[in-house]
Amino acid sequence: MSWRVIAHGDQVWHVDAVAERHANTAAWQLVLSFRVAASEPLAGRRSFWTPYPLEATSKSSLFIQAERISDAALSQLLAERLA
């Protein structure tokens, strides 16, 4: 199940959030996965990962912050990436 589902243009996108931590760093960074819904034409061919400017010292704190991201902000990030 996706973390969020957003519409962009005439397509439905599934968004998932993961926490990533690089070696020798204390902070976890939020990374988002965007993929076209399976029922859409181009499904499976349109997907990408992108970092989101959120960091925290614990994964739980990071995901709490991520819940505050609006669908509008996700749509804007998607539009910028597709442009």
N, C-alpha and C. Protein backbone atom coordinates (compact mmCIF):
# COMPACT_ATOMS: atom_id res chain seq x y z
N MET A 1 0.83 -1.16 0.00
CA MET A 1 0.00 0.00 0.00
C MET A 1 0.89 1.24 0.00
N SER A 2 0.49 2.21 -0.76
CA SER A 2 1.26 3.45 -0.87
C SER A 2 1.05 4.34 0.35
N TRP A 3 2.04 5.14 0.62
CA TRP A 3 1.96 6.10 1.70
C TRP A 3 0.97 7.20 1.33
N ARG A 4 1.04 7.66 0.08
CA ARG A 4 0.11 8.67 -0.45
C ARG A 4 -0.22 8.34 -1.89
N VAL A 5 -1.36 8.82 -2.33
CA VAL A 5 -1.76 8.72 -3.73
C VAL A 5 -2.15 10.13 -4.16
N ILE A 6 -1.52 10.62 -5.24
CA ILE A 6 -1.81 11.97 -5.72
C ILE A 6 -2.13 11.92 -7.21
N ALA A 7 -2.90 12.89 -7.63
CA ALA A 7 -3.21 13.03 -9.06
C ALA A 7 -2.37 14.16 -9.62
N HIS A 8 -1.85 13.92 -10.80
CA HIS A 8 -1.09 14.96 -11.50
C HIS A 8 -1.51 14.90 -12.96
N GLY A 9 -2.13 15.97 -13.44
CA GLY A 9 -2.67 15.94 -14.79
C GLY A 9 -3.75 14.87 -14.86
N ASP A 10 -3.64 13.99 -15.81
CA ASP A 10 -4.64 12.92 -15.93
C ASP A 10 -4.11 11.58 -15.43
N GLN A 11 -3.04 11.60 -14.63
CA GLN A 11 -2.46 10.36 -14.12
C GLN A 11 -2.51 10.31 -12.59
N VAL A 12 -2.59 9.10 -12.10
CA VAL A 12 -2.56 8.86 -10.66
C VAL A 12 -1.18 8.32 -10.31
N TRP A 13 -0.57 8.90 -9.29
CA TRP A 13 0.78 8.51 -8.85
C TRP A 13 0.73 7.99 -7.43
N HIS A 14 1.49 6.94 -7.17
CA HIS A 14 1.65 6.40 -5.82
C HIS A 14 2.98 6.91 -5.28
N VAL A 15 2.95 7.38 -4.05
CA VAL A 15 4.14 7.93 -3.41
C VAL A 15 4.45 7.09 -2.17
N ASP A 16 5.70 6.68 -2.04
CA ASP A 16 6.17 5.97 -0.86
C ASP A 16 7.33 6.75 -0.25
N ALA A 17 7.44 6.69 1.06
CA ALA A 17 8.50 7.39 1.78
C ALA A 17 9.41 6.37 2.46
N VAL A 18 10.71 6.59 2.34
CA VAL A 18 11.69 5.74 3.02
C VAL A 18 12.71 6.64 3.71
N ALA A 19 13.37 6.06 4.71
CA ALA A 19 14.43 6.77 5.41
C ALA A 19 15.76 6.19 4.96
N GLU A 20 16.70 7.08 4.68
CA GLU A 20 18.03 6.65 4.22
C GLU A 20 19.07 7.34 5.09
N ARG A 21 20.07 6.57 5.49
CA ARG A 21 21.16 7.15 6.27
C ARG A 21 22.47 6.73 5.65
N HIS A 22 23.30 7.68 5.36
CA HIS A 22 24.61 7.41 4.76
C HIS A 22 25.61 7.04 5.86
N ALA A 23 26.62 6.30 5.48
CA ALA A 23 27.66 5.90 6.43
C ALA A 23 28.29 7.11 7.10
N ASN A 24 28.60 6.98 8.35
CA ASN A 24 29.27 8.02 9.14
C ASN A 24 28.45 9.29 9.31
N THR A 25 27.13 9.17 9.24
CA THR A 25 26.27 10.32 9.52
C THR A 25 25.23 9.90 10.55
N ALA A 26 24.77 10.86 11.33
CA ALA A 26 23.78 10.57 12.36
C ALA A 26 22.36 10.82 11.88
N ALA A 27 22.21 11.59 10.83
CA ALA A 27 20.88 11.99 10.38
C ALA A 27 20.30 11.04 9.33
N TRP A 28 19.01 10.80 9.48
CA TRP A 28 18.25 10.07 8.47
C TRP A 28 17.65 11.09 7.52
N GLN A 29 17.65 10.79 6.23
CA GLN A 29 17.08 11.70 5.23
C GLN A 29 15.88 11.03 4.59
N LEU A 30 14.88 11.83 4.28
CA LEU A 30 13.67 11.31 3.64
C LEU A 30 13.90 11.21 2.13
N VAL A 31 13.52 10.06 1.58
CA VAL A 31 13.59 9.83 0.14
C VAL A 31 12.21 9.37 -0.30
N LEU A 32 11.71 9.95 -1.38
CA LEU A 32 10.37 9.62 -1.87
C LEU A 32 10.44 8.86 -3.18
N SER A 33 9.57 7.89 -3.32
CA SER A 33 9.42 7.13 -4.55
C SER A 33 8.09 7.52 -5.18
N PHE A 34 8.14 7.91 -6.44
CA PHE A 34 6.93 8.23 -7.21
C PHE A 34 6.79 7.19 -8.32
N ARG A 35 5.61 6.60 -8.45
CA ARG A 35 5.37 5.68 -9.57
C ARG A 35 3.94 5.80 -10.04
N VAL A 36 3.77 5.66 -11.35
CA VAL A 36 2.44 5.73 -11.95
C VAL A 36 1.64 4.53 -11.46
N ALA A 37 0.37 4.75 -11.15
CA ALA A 37 -0.51 3.66 -10.70
C ALA A 37 -0.57 2.56 -11.74
N ALA A 38 -0.70 1.33 -11.31
CA ALA A 38 -0.69 0.16 -12.20
C ALA A 38 -1.80 0.21 -13.25
N SER A 39 -2.89 0.88 -12.96
CA SER A 39 -4.00 0.93 -13.91
C SER A 39 -3.81 1.98 -15.01
N GLU A 40 -2.79 2.83 -14.85
CA GLU A 40 -2.56 3.90 -15.83
C GLU A 40 -1.79 3.38 -17.04
N PRO A 41 -1.95 4.05 -18.20
CA PRO A 41 -1.18 3.64 -19.40
C PRO A 41 0.30 3.89 -19.14
N LEU A 42 1.29 3.59 -19.31
CA LEU A 42 2.69 3.86 -18.94
C LEU A 42 3.05 3.29 -17.58
N ALA A 43 2.15 2.54 -16.93
CA ALA A 43 2.47 1.99 -15.61
C ALA A 43 3.71 1.11 -15.72
N GLY A 44 4.56 1.18 -14.74
CA GLY A 44 5.78 0.40 -14.72
C GLY A 44 6.92 1.06 -15.48
N ARG A 45 6.60 2.01 -16.32
CA ARG A 45 7.65 2.70 -17.08
C ARG A 45 7.93 4.08 -16.54
N ARG A 46 7.10 4.56 -15.65
CA ARG A 46 7.28 5.90 -15.11
C ARG A 46 7.43 5.81 -13.61
N SER A 47 8.64 5.85 -13.14
CA SER A 47 8.89 5.88 -11.71
C SER A 47 10.25 6.51 -11.45
N PHE A 48 10.41 7.08 -10.27
CA PHE A 48 11.70 7.65 -9.89
C PHE A 48 11.76 7.83 -8.39
N TRP A 49 12.98 7.93 -7.88
CA TRP A 49 13.27 8.22 -6.47
C TRP A 49 13.85 9.62 -6.41
N THR A 50 13.50 10.35 -5.37
CA THR A 50 14.07 11.68 -5.20
C THR A 50 14.19 12.02 -3.71
N PRO A 51 15.30 12.63 -3.31
CA PRO A 51 15.42 13.04 -1.90
C PRO A 51 14.48 14.21 -1.62
N TYR A 52 14.01 14.28 -0.38
CA TYR A 52 13.17 15.39 0.06
C TYR A 52 13.93 16.08 1.20
N PRO A 53 13.91 17.40 1.26
CA PRO A 53 14.74 18.13 2.24
C PRO A 53 14.22 18.03 3.69
N LEU A 54 14.20 16.83 4.21
CA LEU A 54 13.89 16.60 5.63
C LEU A 54 14.94 15.68 6.21
N GLU A 55 15.40 15.99 7.39
CA GLU A 55 16.36 15.14 8.10
C GLU A 55 15.96 15.07 9.57
N ALA A 56 16.32 13.94 10.21
CA ALA A 56 16.07 13.77 11.63
C ALA A 56 17.07 12.75 12.17
N THR A 57 17.25 12.76 13.49
CA THR A 57 18.19 11.81 14.08
C THR A 57 17.56 10.45 14.33
N SER A 58 16.24 10.33 14.18
CA SER A 58 15.60 9.03 14.29
C SER A 58 14.62 8.85 13.14
N LYS A 59 14.42 7.60 12.74
CA LYS A 59 13.48 7.33 11.65
C LYS A 59 12.06 7.72 12.05
N SER A 60 11.68 7.43 13.27
CA SER A 60 10.31 7.76 13.67
C SER A 60 10.06 9.26 13.62
N SER A 61 11.02 10.05 14.05
CA SER A 61 10.89 11.50 13.98
C SER A 61 10.80 11.96 12.53
N LEU A 62 11.57 11.34 11.67
CA LEU A 62 11.55 11.70 10.25
C LEU A 62 10.17 11.43 9.65
N PHE A 63 9.59 10.27 9.96
CA PHE A 63 8.28 9.94 9.41
C PHE A 63 7.16 10.80 10.00
N ILE A 64 7.32 11.23 11.24
CA ILE A 64 6.35 12.16 11.82
C ILE A 64 6.38 13.49 11.06
N GLN A 65 7.58 13.96 10.75
CA GLN A 65 7.71 15.19 9.95
C GLN A 65 7.13 14.99 8.56
N ALA A 66 7.37 13.82 7.98
CA ALA A 66 6.90 13.54 6.62
C ALA A 66 5.37 13.59 6.53
N GLU A 67 4.70 13.20 7.60
CA GLU A 67 3.23 13.23 7.59
C GLU A 67 2.70 14.64 7.40
N ARG A 68 3.51 15.64 7.70
CA ARG A 68 3.08 17.04 7.57
C ARG A 68 3.25 17.59 6.16
N ILE A 69 3.86 16.81 5.28
CA ILE A 69 4.03 17.26 3.89
C ILE A 69 2.67 17.25 3.21
N SER A 70 2.30 18.34 2.62
CA SER A 70 0.99 18.44 1.97
C SER A 70 1.01 17.74 0.61
N ASP A 71 -0.18 17.35 0.17
CA ASP A 71 -0.30 16.78 -1.17
C ASP A 71 0.10 17.80 -2.23
N ALA A 72 -0.16 19.07 -1.96
CA ALA A 72 0.22 20.13 -2.90
C ALA A 72 1.75 20.18 -3.05
N ALA A 73 2.47 20.03 -1.95
CA ALA A 73 3.94 20.03 -2.02
C ALA A 73 4.44 18.83 -2.80
N LEU A 74 3.81 17.68 -2.61
CA LEU A 74 4.19 16.49 -3.37
C LEU A 74 3.91 16.67 -4.86
N SER A 75 2.76 17.25 -5.17
CA SER A 75 2.40 17.52 -6.57
C SER A 75 3.38 18.48 -7.22
N GLN A 76 3.80 19.49 -6.47
CA GLN A 76 4.77 20.45 -7.00
C GLN A 76 6.11 19.77 -7.27
N LEU A 77 6.56 18.94 -6.34
CA LEU A 77 7.81 18.20 -6.53
C LEU A 77 7.71 17.29 -7.76
N LEU A 78 6.58 16.63 -7.92
CA LEU A 78 6.37 15.77 -9.08
C LEU A 78 6.40 16.58 -10.37
N ALA A 79 5.72 17.72 -10.39
CA ALA A 79 5.69 18.56 -11.58
C ALA A 79 7.09 19.05 -11.96
N GLU A 80 7.87 19.44 -10.94
CA GLU A 80 9.24 19.90 -11.21
C GLU A 80 10.09 18.78 -11.79
N ARG A 81 9.91 17.59 -11.28
CA ARG A 81 10.70 16.45 -11.75
C ARG A 81 10.31 16.06 -13.17
N LEU A 82 9.04 16.16 -13.51
CA LEU A 82 8.58 15.78 -14.84
C LEU A 82 8.84 16.83 -15.90
N ALA A 83 9.10 18.08 -15.46
CA ALA A 83 9.32 19.18 -16.41
C ALA A 83 10.63 19.03 -17.15
